[in-house]
């Protein structure tokens, strides 16, 4: 299957990076290479590093950018390791970094990857298939308290407790092996009225399990300070998020890096010595246009935030 992925807010993101023809850029979530292709087109002597932990993404993007191979390097890794990998390659700083978070359309549409509740497949959800932990392990081995916490915190589902209880009851009879088996269990845990009103009953739980499986929020939280530090003066970090949990982490990090001072508000001068790293370009996040929403409904929850290094 071809690695198709519609790049959300493509024009806005590319514009936000202020691309210089001789600059060094990082696409930390390479996917199908949509953002990378547009960055590469604008480079002359500059270089782009595309990073993804998914082998299929690396193959697809390398093929898509083959005409730009002199200006492009694909690296199979998690974006949390981007800065240390580039430092090893002798890169001292970059002019821009883009992160397009969440799952690619390819991952959702490739049934055997187990990301989607719309196709019956083995429970997997690993973005990097080299890792051991899968959705199957989470669903079948996590204690009820952990399942409840994940579905409540990462899925923001008000029926988290009941869903966790139903999962634990079901797996006592036999292991839960497929996405459709899990669908049925979740459906049974949510009152009929809410199932009619609230979209697909599995959406939030699948999101929660996927985030846990791939440590998505931890990776994001642990990467942002280092990425901002790695930007050259005037360099930009542009991040597209797809749910409130991610957006909150990005918003908090950008705010802290812009104004890190921890002195009490009544102090006449700063004595903590913490210096601003730059400024948020987006006070309010950019969101998709109506035109884009009509083409790609998956973009409806997307938000773009941009930070510029001093």
C-alpha atoms as a PDB file:
ATOM      1  CA  UNK A   1       0.000   0.000   0.000  1.00  0.00           C
ATOM      2  CA  UNK A   2       1.274   3.465  -0.896  1.00  0.00           C
ATOM      3  CA  UNK A   3       2.150   5.704   2.053  1.00  0.00           C
ATOM      4  CA  UNK A   4      -0.515   8.340   1.461  1.00  0.00           C
ATOM      5  CA  UNK A   5      -0.753  11.091   3.990  1.00  0.00           C
ATOM      6  CA  UNK A   6      -2.546  14.372   3.618  1.00  0.00           C
ATOM      7  CA  UNK A   7      -0.319  17.029   5.191  1.00  0.00           C
ATOM      8  CA  UNK A   8      -2.548  19.149   7.400  1.00  0.00           C
ATOM      9  CA  UNK A   9      -2.145  22.952   7.120  1.00  0.00           C
ATOM     10  CA  UNK A  10       0.704  22.417   4.675  1.00  0.00           C
ATOM     11  CA  UNK A  11       0.949  25.992   3.364  1.00  0.00           C
ATOM     12  CA  UNK A  12       0.618  27.595   6.802  1.00  0.00           C
ATOM     13  CA  UNK A  13       3.280  25.297   8.251  1.00  0.00           C
ATOM     14  CA  UNK A  14       5.777  25.859   5.428  1.00  0.00           C
ATOM     15  CA  UNK A  15       5.250  29.630   5.620  1.00  0.00           C
ATOM     16  CA  UNK A  16       5.686  29.565   9.403  1.00  0.00           C
ATOM     17  CA  UNK A  17       9.184  28.082   9.040  1.00  0.00           C
ATOM     18  CA  UNK A  18      10.534  31.106   7.098  1.00  0.00           C
ATOM     19  CA  UNK A  19      12.649  28.773   4.974  1.00  0.00           C
ATOM     20  CA  UNK A  20      16.071  30.016   3.876  1.00  0.00           C
ATOM     21  CA  UNK A  21      17.579  28.338   0.777  1.00  0.00           C
ATOM     22  CA  UNK A  22      20.837  27.648   2.660  1.00  0.00           C
ATOM     23  CA  UNK A  23      19.222  26.681   5.980  1.00  0.00           C
ATOM     24  CA  UNK A  24      19.238  23.411   7.906  1.00  0.00           C
ATOM     25  CA  UNK A  25      15.813  21.944   8.722  1.00  0.00           C
ATOM     26  CA  UNK A  26      14.382  18.972  10.554  1.00  0.00           C
ATOM     27  CA  UNK A  27      11.088  17.224   9.866  1.00  0.00           C
ATOM     28  CA  UNK A  28      10.750  15.214  13.071  1.00  0.00           C
ATOM     29  CA  UNK A  29       7.652  13.345  11.893  1.00  0.00           C
ATOM     30  CA  UNK A  30       8.508  12.530   8.302  1.00  0.00           C
ATOM     31  CA  UNK A  31       5.455  10.376   7.511  1.00  0.00           C
ATOM     32  CA  UNK A  32       4.808  10.337   3.766  1.00  0.00           C
ATOM     33  CA  UNK A  33       7.116  13.309   3.275  1.00  0.00           C
ATOM     34  CA  UNK A  34       4.487  15.977   2.522  1.00  0.00           C
ATOM     35  CA  UNK A  35       6.064  18.730   4.607  1.00  0.00           C
ATOM     36  CA  UNK A  36       9.566  17.555   3.739  1.00  0.00           C
ATOM     37  CA  UNK A  37       8.937  17.755   0.001  1.00  0.00           C
ATOM     38  CA  UNK A  38       7.857  21.393   0.265  1.00  0.00           C
ATOM     39  CA  UNK A  39      10.848  22.252   2.448  1.00  0.00           C
ATOM     40  CA  UNK A  40      13.269  20.468   0.080  1.00  0.00           C
ATOM     41  CA  UNK A  41      11.866  22.359  -2.935  1.00  0.00           C
ATOM     42  CA  UNK A  42      12.909  25.622  -1.297  1.00  0.00           C
ATOM     43  CA  UNK A  43      16.508  24.612  -0.528  1.00  0.00           C
ATOM     44  CA  UNK A  44      19.558  25.298  -2.684  1.00  0.00           C
ATOM     45  CA  UNK A  45      22.633  24.639  -0.555  1.00  0.00           C
ATOM     46  CA  UNK A  46      20.635  23.899   2.595  1.00  0.00           C
ATOM     47  CA  UNK A  47      19.871  20.477   4.074  1.00  0.00           C
ATOM     48  CA  UNK A  48      16.817  18.709   5.441  1.00  0.00           C
ATOM     49  CA  UNK A  49      16.856  15.830   7.913  1.00  0.00           C
ATOM     50  CA  UNK A  50      13.674  13.739   7.920  1.00  0.00           C
ATOM     51  CA  UNK A  51      13.103  11.596  10.982  1.00  0.00           C
ATOM     52  CA  UNK A  52      10.527   8.868  11.565  1.00  0.00           C
ATOM     53  CA  UNK A  53      10.422   5.688  13.614  1.00  0.00           C
ATOM     54  CA  UNK A  54       8.181   3.930  11.074  1.00  0.00           C
ATOM     55  CA  UNK A  55      10.098   1.947   8.464  1.00  0.00           C
ATOM     56  CA  UNK A  56       7.294   2.341   5.899  1.00  0.00           C
ATOM     57  CA  UNK A  57       7.469   6.134   6.285  1.00  0.00           C
ATOM     58  CA  UNK A  58      11.236   6.203   5.712  1.00  0.00           C
ATOM     59  CA  UNK A  59      10.878   4.131   2.530  1.00  0.00           C
ATOM     60  CA  UNK A  60       7.952   6.147   1.169  1.00  0.00           C
ATOM     61  CA  UNK A  61       9.454   9.567   1.904  1.00  0.00           C
ATOM     62  CA  UNK A  62      12.872   8.585   0.520  1.00  0.00           C
ATOM     63  CA  UNK A  63      11.179   7.603  -2.737  1.00  0.00           C
ATOM     64  CA  UNK A  64       9.096  10.775  -2.800  1.00  0.00           C
ATOM     65  CA  UNK A  65      12.137  12.990  -2.227  1.00  0.00           C
ATOM     66  CA  UNK A  66      14.544  11.096  -4.482  1.00  0.00           C
ATOM     67  CA  UNK A  67      14.975  14.147  -6.735  1.00  0.00           C
ATOM     68  CA  UNK A  68      16.280  16.073  -3.701  1.00  0.00           C
ATOM     69  CA  UNK A  69      18.626  13.416  -2.347  1.00  0.00           C
ATOM     70  CA  UNK A  70      21.600  15.816  -2.239  1.00  0.00           C
ATOM     71  CA  UNK A  71      19.682  18.035   0.186  1.00  0.00           C
ATOM     72  CA  UNK A  72      17.841  15.325   2.147  1.00  0.00           C
ATOM     73  CA  UNK A  73      18.777  12.678   4.692  1.00  0.00           C
ATOM     74  CA  UNK A  74      16.209  10.223   6.091  1.00  0.00           C
ATOM     75  CA  UNK A  75      16.857   8.838   9.582  1.00  0.00           C
ATOM     76  CA  UNK A  76      14.871   6.060  11.234  1.00  0.00           C
ATOM     77  CA  UNK A  77      14.498   7.178  14.839  1.00  0.00           C
ATOM     78  CA  UNK A  78      12.074   8.734  17.291  1.00  0.00           C
ATOM     79  CA  UNK A  79      12.096  12.537  17.098  1.00  0.00           C
ATOM     80  CA  UNK A  80      13.047  12.651  20.796  1.00  0.00           C
ATOM     81  CA  UNK A  81      16.529  11.549  19.680  1.00  0.00           C
ATOM     82  CA  UNK A  82      16.744  14.046  16.791  1.00  0.00           C
ATOM     83  CA  UNK A  83      18.994  16.577  18.501  1.00  0.00           C
ATOM     84  CA  UNK A  84      21.516  14.040  19.801  1.00  0.00           C
ATOM     85  CA  UNK A  85      21.650  12.247  16.400  1.00  0.00           C
ATOM     86  CA  UNK A  86      22.242  15.523  14.541  1.00  0.00           C
ATOM     87  CA  UNK A  87      24.923  16.605  17.026  1.00  0.00           C
ATOM     88  CA  UNK A  88      26.689  13.282  16.342  1.00  0.00           C
ATOM     89  CA  UNK A  89      26.578  14.180  12.649  1.00  0.00           C
ATOM     90  CA  UNK A  90      28.299  17.466  13.438  1.00  0.00           C
ATOM     91  CA  UNK A  91      25.224  19.689  13.142  1.00  0.00           C
ATOM     92  CA  UNK A  92      25.531  22.500  15.691  1.00  0.00           C
ATOM     93  CA  UNK A  93      22.082  24.036  15.282  1.00  0.00           C
ATOM     94  CA  UNK A  94      19.155  24.257  12.855  1.00  0.00           C
ATOM     95  CA  UNK A  95      17.015  26.946  11.245  1.00  0.00           C
ATOM     96  CA  UNK A  96      13.705  25.173  11.660  1.00  0.00           C
ATOM     97  CA  UNK A  97      11.976  22.084  13.034  1.00  0.00           C
ATOM     98  CA  UNK A  98       8.502  20.835  12.161  1.00  0.00           C
ATOM     99  CA  UNK A  99       6.475  18.235  14.068  1.00  0.00           C
ATOM    100  CA  UNK A 100       3.167  16.961  12.686  1.00  0.00           C
ATOM    101  CA  UNK A 101       1.950  14.869  15.605  1.00  0.00           C
ATOM    102  CA  UNK A 102      -0.565  12.033  15.729  1.00  0.00           C
ATOM    103  CA  UNK A 103      -1.062   9.103  13.381  1.00  0.00           C
ATOM    104  CA  UNK A 104      -0.499   9.285   9.644  1.00  0.00           C
ATOM    105  CA  UNK A 105      -3.346   8.486   7.268  1.00  0.00           C
ATOM    106  CA  UNK A 106      -1.274   5.547   6.057  1.00  0.00           C
ATOM    107  CA  UNK A 107      -1.041   4.075   9.559  1.00  0.00           C
ATOM    108  CA  UNK A 108      -4.785   4.487  10.063  1.00  0.00           C
ATOM    109  CA  UNK A 109      -5.636   3.038   6.662  1.00  0.00           C
ATOM    110  CA  UNK A 110      -3.263   0.060   6.834  1.00  0.00           C
ATOM    111  CA  UNK A 111      -5.548  -2.368   8.634  1.00  0.00           C
ATOM    112  CA  UNK A 112      -2.886  -4.745   9.950  1.00  0.00           C
ATOM    113  CA  UNK A 113      -1.222  -1.925  11.914  1.00  0.00           C
ATOM    114  CA  UNK A 114      -4.187  -2.024  14.310  1.00  0.00           C
ATOM    115  CA  UNK A 115      -4.538   1.758  14.731  1.00  0.00           C
ATOM    116  CA  UNK A 116      -8.103   2.039  13.467  1.00  0.00           C
ATOM    117  CA  UNK A 117     -11.353   0.971  15.074  1.00  0.00           C
ATOM    118  CA  UNK A 118     -12.885   0.916  11.575  1.00  0.00           C
ATOM    119  CA  UNK A 119     -11.022  -2.180  10.352  1.00  0.00           C
ATOM    120  CA  UNK A 120     -10.776  -5.589  12.000  1.00  0.00           C
ATOM    121  CA  UNK A 121      -7.146  -6.411  12.691  1.00  0.00           C
ATOM    122  CA  UNK A 122      -4.819  -7.642  15.434  1.00  0.00           C
ATOM    123  CA  UNK A 123      -4.310  -5.119  18.254  1.00  0.00           C
ATOM    124  CA  UNK A 124      -0.921  -3.555  17.555  1.00  0.00           C
ATOM    125  CA  UNK A 125      -0.645   0.304  17.315  1.00  0.00           C
ATOM    126  CA  UNK A 126       3.166   0.379  17.431  1.00  0.00           C
ATOM    127  CA  UNK A 127       4.561   3.269  15.399  1.00  0.00           C
ATOM    128  CA  UNK A 128       7.960   1.603  15.630  1.00  0.00           C
ATOM    129  CA  UNK A 129       7.515  -2.121  15.085  1.00  0.00           C
ATOM    130  CA  UNK A 130      10.892  -2.811  16.676  1.00  0.00           C
ATOM    131  CA  UNK A 131       9.464  -2.047  20.107  1.00  0.00           C
ATOM    132  CA  UNK A 132       8.007  -4.843  22.227  1.00  0.00           C
ATOM    133  CA  UNK A 133       5.017  -3.161  23.893  1.00  0.00           C
ATOM    134  CA  UNK A 134       1.865  -3.279  21.742  1.00  0.00           C
ATOM    135  CA  UNK A 135      -1.810  -2.438  22.204  1.00  0.00           C
ATOM    136  CA  UNK A 136      -2.409  -6.161  22.778  1.00  0.00           C
ATOM    137  CA  UNK A 137      -0.120  -6.096  25.840  1.00  0.00           C
ATOM    138  CA  UNK A 138      -1.778  -2.988  27.258  1.00  0.00           C
ATOM    139  CA  UNK A 139      -5.310  -4.323  26.818  1.00  0.00           C
ATOM    140  CA  UNK A 140      -4.510  -7.795  28.138  1.00  0.00           C
ATOM    141  CA  UNK A 141      -2.014  -7.184  30.935  1.00  0.00           C
ATOM    142  CA  UNK A 142      -2.461  -3.708  32.442  1.00  0.00           C
ATOM    143  CA  UNK A 143      -4.234  -3.688  35.842  1.00  0.00           C
ATOM    144  CA  UNK A 144      -7.715  -2.155  35.912  1.00  0.00           C
ATOM    145  CA  UNK A 145      -6.424   0.982  37.706  1.00  0.00           C
ATOM    146  CA  UNK A 146      -3.865   1.615  34.961  1.00  0.00           C
ATOM    147  CA  UNK A 147      -6.396   1.068  32.177  1.00  0.00           C
ATOM    148  CA  UNK A 148      -8.780   3.477  33.901  1.00  0.00           C
ATOM    149  CA  UNK A 149      -6.037   6.109  34.269  1.00  0.00           C
ATOM    150  CA  UNK A 150      -4.987   5.850  30.611  1.00  0.00           C
ATOM    151  CA  UNK A 151      -8.530   6.004  29.207  1.00  0.00           C
ATOM    152  CA  UNK A 152      -9.453   8.856  31.551  1.00  0.00           C
ATOM    153  CA  UNK A 153      -6.272  10.929  31.056  1.00  0.00           C
ATOM    154  CA  UNK A 154      -5.301  10.178  27.452  1.00  0.00           C
ATOM    155  CA  UNK A 155      -8.751   9.508  26.036  1.00  0.00           C
ATOM    156  CA  UNK A 156     -10.602  12.038  28.207  1.00  0.00           C
ATOM    157  CA  UNK A 157     -13.504   9.596  28.243  1.00  0.00           C
ATOM    158  CA  UNK A 158     -16.046  10.022  31.027  1.00  0.00           C
ATOM    159  CA  UNK A 159     -16.882   6.298  30.856  1.00  0.00           C
ATOM    160  CA  UNK A 160     -13.241   5.341  31.465  1.00  0.00           C
ATOM    161  CA  UNK A 161     -13.957   3.411  34.648  1.00  0.00           C
ATOM    162  CA  UNK A 162     -16.700   1.326  33.066  1.00  0.00           C
ATOM    163  CA  UNK A 163     -14.652   0.662  29.912  1.00  0.00           C
ATOM    164  CA  UNK A 164     -11.669  -0.490  32.010  1.00  0.00           C
ATOM    165  CA  UNK A 165     -13.963  -2.773  34.017  1.00  0.00           C
ATOM    166  CA  UNK A 166     -15.474  -4.317  30.861  1.00  0.00           C
ATOM    167  CA  UNK A 167     -12.011  -4.908  29.347  1.00  0.00           C
ATOM    168  CA  UNK A 168     -10.775  -6.703  32.473  1.00  0.00           C
ATOM    169  CA  UNK A 169     -13.950  -8.829  32.671  1.00  0.00           C
ATOM    170  CA  UNK A 170     -13.726  -9.809  29.005  1.00  0.00           C
ATOM    171  CA  UNK A 171     -10.057 -10.813  29.101  1.00  0.00           C
ATOM    172  CA  UNK A 172     -10.707 -13.188  32.023  1.00  0.00           C
ATOM    173  CA  UNK A 173     -12.588 -15.417  29.569  1.00  0.00           C
ATOM    174  CA  UNK A 174     -10.089 -15.140  26.692  1.00  0.00           C
ATOM    175  CA  UNK A 175      -7.418 -12.682  25.503  1.00  0.00           C
ATOM    176  CA  UNK A 176      -8.719  -9.674  23.550  1.00  0.00           C
ATOM    177  CA  UNK A 177      -6.950 -10.044  20.216  1.00  0.00           C
ATOM    178  CA  UNK A 178      -8.533  -7.784  17.608  1.00  0.00           C
ATOM    179  CA  UNK A 179      -9.740  -4.228  17.157  1.00  0.00           C
ATOM    180  CA  UNK A 180     -13.330  -5.357  16.549  1.00  0.00           C
ATOM    181  CA  UNK A 181     -13.330  -7.486  19.726  1.00  0.00           C
ATOM    182  CA  UNK A 182     -12.238  -4.387  21.627  1.00  0.00           C
ATOM    183  CA  UNK A 183     -14.899  -2.306  19.829  1.00  0.00           C
ATOM    184  CA  UNK A 184     -17.660  -4.612  21.091  1.00  0.00           C
ATOM    185  CA  UNK A 185     -16.358  -4.459  24.672  1.00  0.00           C
ATOM    186  CA  UNK A 186     -16.178  -0.647  24.615  1.00  0.00           C
ATOM    187  CA  UNK A 187     -19.636  -0.403  23.040  1.00  0.00           C
ATOM    188  CA  UNK A 188     -21.099  -2.513  25.843  1.00  0.00           C
ATOM    189  CA  UNK A 189     -19.555  -0.188  28.441  1.00  0.00           C
ATOM    190  CA  UNK A 190     -21.158   2.997  27.091  1.00  0.00           C
ATOM    191  CA  UNK A 191     -24.876   3.761  27.524  1.00  0.00           C
ATOM    192  CA  UNK A 192     -26.890   3.482  24.305  1.00  0.00           C
ATOM    193  CA  UNK A 193     -27.930   7.170  24.358  1.00  0.00           C
ATOM    194  CA  UNK A 194     -24.299   8.311  24.524  1.00  0.00           C
ATOM    195  CA  UNK A 195     -23.323   5.944  21.707  1.00  0.00           C
ATOM    196  CA  UNK A 196     -25.788   7.670  19.414  1.00  0.00           C
ATOM    197  CA  UNK A 197     -24.680  11.193  20.344  1.00  0.00           C
ATOM    198  CA  UNK A 198     -20.944  11.016  20.881  1.00  0.00           C
ATOM    199  CA  UNK A 199     -19.395   9.766  17.617  1.00  0.00           C
ATOM    200  CA  UNK A 200     -17.752   6.342  17.467  1.00  0.00           C
ATOM    201  CA  UNK A 201     -17.651   4.846  20.987  1.00  0.00           C
ATOM    202  CA  UNK A 202     -14.099   3.504  20.519  1.00  0.00           C
ATOM    203  CA  UNK A 203     -12.477   6.727  19.336  1.00  0.00           C
ATOM    204  CA  UNK A 204     -11.276   7.978  22.727  1.00  0.00           C
ATOM    205  CA  UNK A 205     -10.148   4.598  24.068  1.00  0.00           C
ATOM    206  CA  UNK A 206      -8.185   3.796  20.899  1.00  0.00           C
ATOM    207  CA  UNK A 207      -6.502   7.205  21.129  1.00  0.00           C
ATOM    208  CA  UNK A 208      -5.636   6.537  24.773  1.00  0.00           C
ATOM    209  CA  UNK A 209      -4.138   3.109  24.097  1.00  0.00           C
ATOM    210  CA  UNK A 210      -2.151   4.432  21.116  1.00  0.00           C
ATOM    211  CA  UNK A 211      -0.700   7.302  23.187  1.00  0.00           C
ATOM    212  CA  UNK A 212       0.295   4.890  25.964  1.00  0.00           C
ATOM    213  CA  UNK A 213       1.741   2.357  23.526  1.00  0.00           C
ATOM    214  CA  UNK A 214       3.977   4.939  21.845  1.00  0.00           C
ATOM    215  CA  UNK A 215       4.608   7.144  24.926  1.00  0.00           C
ATOM    216  CA  UNK A 216       3.503  10.056  22.749  1.00  0.00           C
ATOM    217  CA  UNK A 217       2.961  12.685  25.445  1.00  0.00           C
ATOM    218  CA  UNK A 218       6.157  11.855  27.339  1.00  0.00           C
ATOM    219  CA  UNK A 219       8.178  12.036  24.124  1.00  0.00           C
ATOM    220  CA  UNK A 220       6.667  15.429  23.271  1.00  0.00           C
ATOM    221  CA  UNK A 221       7.125  16.835  26.776  1.00  0.00           C
ATOM    222  CA  UNK A 222      10.725  15.649  26.991  1.00  0.00           C
ATOM    223  CA  UNK A 223      11.764  16.958  23.542  1.00  0.00           C
ATOM    224  CA  UNK A 224      10.598  20.563  23.341  1.00  0.00           C
ATOM    225  CA  UNK A 225      13.172  22.366  25.513  1.00  0.00           C
ATOM    226  CA  UNK A 226      16.034  20.601  23.767  1.00  0.00           C
ATOM    227  CA  UNK A 227      14.609  21.391  20.330  1.00  0.00           C
ATOM    228  CA  UNK A 228      14.169  25.085  21.165  1.00  0.00           C
ATOM    229  CA  UNK A 229      17.737  25.171  22.515  1.00  0.00           C
ATOM    230  CA  UNK A 230      18.971  23.626  19.232  1.00  0.00           C
ATOM    231  CA  UNK A 231      17.458  26.358  17.060  1.00  0.00           C
ATOM    232  CA  UNK A 232      19.754  29.035  15.676  1.00  0.00           C
ATOM    233  CA  UNK A 233      18.766  32.666  16.360  1.00  0.00           C
ATOM    234  CA  UNK A 234      15.650  33.353  14.313  1.00  0.00           C
ATOM    235  CA  UNK A 235      15.059  29.621  13.875  1.00  0.00           C
ATOM    236  CA  UNK A 236      11.524  28.337  14.287  1.00  0.00           C
ATOM    237  CA  UNK A 237       9.792  25.334  15.805  1.00  0.00           C
ATOM    238  CA  UNK A 238       6.380  24.674  14.208  1.00  0.00           C
ATOM    239  CA  UNK A 239       4.138  22.031  15.783  1.00  0.00           C
ATOM    240  CA  UNK A 240       0.777  20.669  14.640  1.00  0.00           C
ATOM    241  CA  UNK A 241      -1.220  18.961  17.392  1.00  0.00           C
ATOM    242  CA  UNK A 242      -4.442  16.988  17.107  1.00  0.00           C
ATOM    243  CA  UNK A 243      -5.893  16.909  20.600  1.00  0.00           C
ATOM    244  CA  UNK A 244      -6.017  19.085  23.682  1.00  0.00           C
ATOM    245  CA  UNK A 245      -3.438  17.047  25.621  1.00  0.00           C
ATOM    246  CA  UNK A 246      -0.723  17.645  23.024  1.00  0.00           C
ATOM    247  CA  UNK A 247      -1.730  21.265  22.490  1.00  0.00           C
ATOM    248  CA  UNK A 248      -1.545  21.959  26.242  1.00  0.00           C
ATOM    249  CA  UNK A 249       2.008  20.566  26.433  1.00  0.00           C
ATOM    250  CA  UNK A 250       3.156  22.697  23.472  1.00  0.00           C
ATOM    251  CA  UNK A 251       1.409  25.828  24.749  1.00  0.00           C
ATOM    252  CA  UNK A 252       2.913  25.421  28.244  1.00  0.00           C
ATOM    253  CA  UNK A 253       6.415  24.757  26.901  1.00  0.00           C
ATOM    254  CA  UNK A 254       6.367  27.733  24.522  1.00  0.00           C
ATOM    255  CA  UNK A 255       5.129  30.011  27.289  1.00  0.00           C
ATOM    256  CA  UNK A 256       7.814  28.798  29.704  1.00  0.00           C
ATOM    257  CA  UNK A 257      10.579  29.228  27.114  1.00  0.00           C
ATOM    258  CA  UNK A 258       9.372  32.740  26.311  1.00  0.00           C
ATOM    259  CA  UNK A 259       9.082  33.793  29.945  1.00  0.00           C
ATOM    260  CA  UNK A 260      11.045  31.411  32.196  1.00  0.00           C
ATOM    261  CA  UNK A 261      11.429  33.862  35.106  1.00  0.00           C
ATOM    262  CA  UNK A 262      10.423  32.245  38.420  1.00  0.00           C
ATOM    263  CA  UNK A 263      10.801  35.351  40.589  1.00  0.00           C
ATOM    264  CA  UNK A 264       7.776  36.439  42.642  1.00  0.00           C
ATOM    265  CA  UNK A 265       5.652  38.964  40.751  1.00  0.00           C
ATOM    266  CA  UNK A 266       6.362  41.725  43.308  1.00  0.00           C
ATOM    267  CA  UNK A 267      10.155  41.578  42.766  1.00  0.00           C
ATOM    268  CA  UNK A 268      11.321  44.823  41.109  1.00  0.00           C
ATOM    269  CA  UNK A 269      14.056  43.017  39.136  1.00  0.00           C
ATOM    270  CA  UNK A 270      14.651  39.422  38.057  1.00  0.00           C
ATOM    271  CA  UNK A 271      17.134  37.570  40.269  1.00  0.00           C
ATOM    272  CA  UNK A 272      16.484  33.976  39.129  1.00  0.00           C
ATOM    273  CA  UNK A 273      18.738  34.468  36.103  1.00  0.00           C
ATOM    274  CA  UNK A 274      16.453  32.543  33.738  1.00  0.00           C
ATOM    275  CA  UNK A 275      16.554  34.163  30.312  1.00  0.00           C
ATOM    276  CA  UNK A 276      13.926  34.091  27.588  1.00  0.00           C
ATOM    277  CA  UNK A 277      14.766  31.740  24.707  1.00  0.00           C
ATOM    278  CA  UNK A 278      12.511  33.521  22.226  1.00  0.00           C
ATOM    279  CA  UNK A 279       8.872  34.266  21.508  1.00  0.00           C
ATOM    280  CA  UNK A 280       5.661  32.598  20.478  1.00  0.00           C
ATOM    281  CA  UNK A 281       4.732  33.674  16.965  1.00  0.00           C
ATOM    282  CA  UNK A 282       1.222  32.323  17.484  1.00  0.00           C
ATOM    283  CA  UNK A 283      -0.540  33.786  20.525  1.00  0.00           C
ATOM    284  CA  UNK A 284      -3.552  31.770  19.464  1.00  0.00           C
ATOM    285  CA  UNK A 285      -2.963  28.599  17.463  1.00  0.00           C
ATOM    286  CA  UNK A 286      -3.650  28.588  13.736  1.00  0.00           C
ATOM    287  CA  UNK A 287      -6.445  26.224  12.675  1.00  0.00           C
ATOM    288  CA  UNK A 288      -7.414  24.751   9.286  1.00  0.00           C
ATOM    289  CA  UNK A 289      -9.441  26.842   6.833  1.00  0.00           C
ATOM    290  CA  UNK A 290     -13.006  25.880   5.911  1.00  0.00           C
ATOM    291  CA  UNK A 291     -11.679  24.914   2.491  1.00  0.00           C
ATOM    292  CA  UNK A 292      -9.199  22.464   4.025  1.00  0.00           C
ATOM    293  CA  UNK A 293     -11.846  21.013   6.330  1.00  0.00           C
ATOM    294  CA  UNK A 294     -14.052  20.291   3.324  1.00  0.00           C
ATOM    295  CA  UNK A 295     -11.190  18.321   1.705  1.00  0.00           C
ATOM    296  CA  UNK A 296      -9.912  16.504   4.789  1.00  0.00           C
ATOM    297  CA  UNK A 297     -12.183  15.971   7.777  1.00  0.00           C
ATOM    298  CA  UNK A 298      -9.276  14.440   9.763  1.00  0.00           C
ATOM    299  CA  UNK A 299      -7.771  17.928  10.055  1.00  0.00           C
ATOM    300  CA  UNK A 300     -10.655  19.312  12.089  1.00  0.00           C
ATOM    301  CA  UNK A 301      -8.927  19.178  15.483  1.00  0.00           C
ATOM    302  CA  UNK A 302      -5.528  20.378  14.199  1.00  0.00           C
ATOM    303  CA  UNK A 303      -3.759  23.359  15.765  1.00  0.00           C
ATOM    304  CA  UNK A 304      -0.473  24.920  14.684  1.00  0.00           C
ATOM    305  CA  UNK A 305       1.770  26.741  17.173  1.00  0.00           C
ATOM    306  CA  UNK A 306       5.077  28.393  16.284  1.00  0.00           C
ATOM    307  CA  UNK A 307       8.038  29.470  18.427  1.00  0.00           C
ATOM    308  CA  UNK A 308      10.946  31.655  17.252  1.00  0.00           C
ATOM    309  CA  UNK A 309      14.380  31.480  18.879  1.00  0.00           C
ATOM    310  CA  UNK A 310      16.108  34.651  20.023  1.00  0.00           C
END
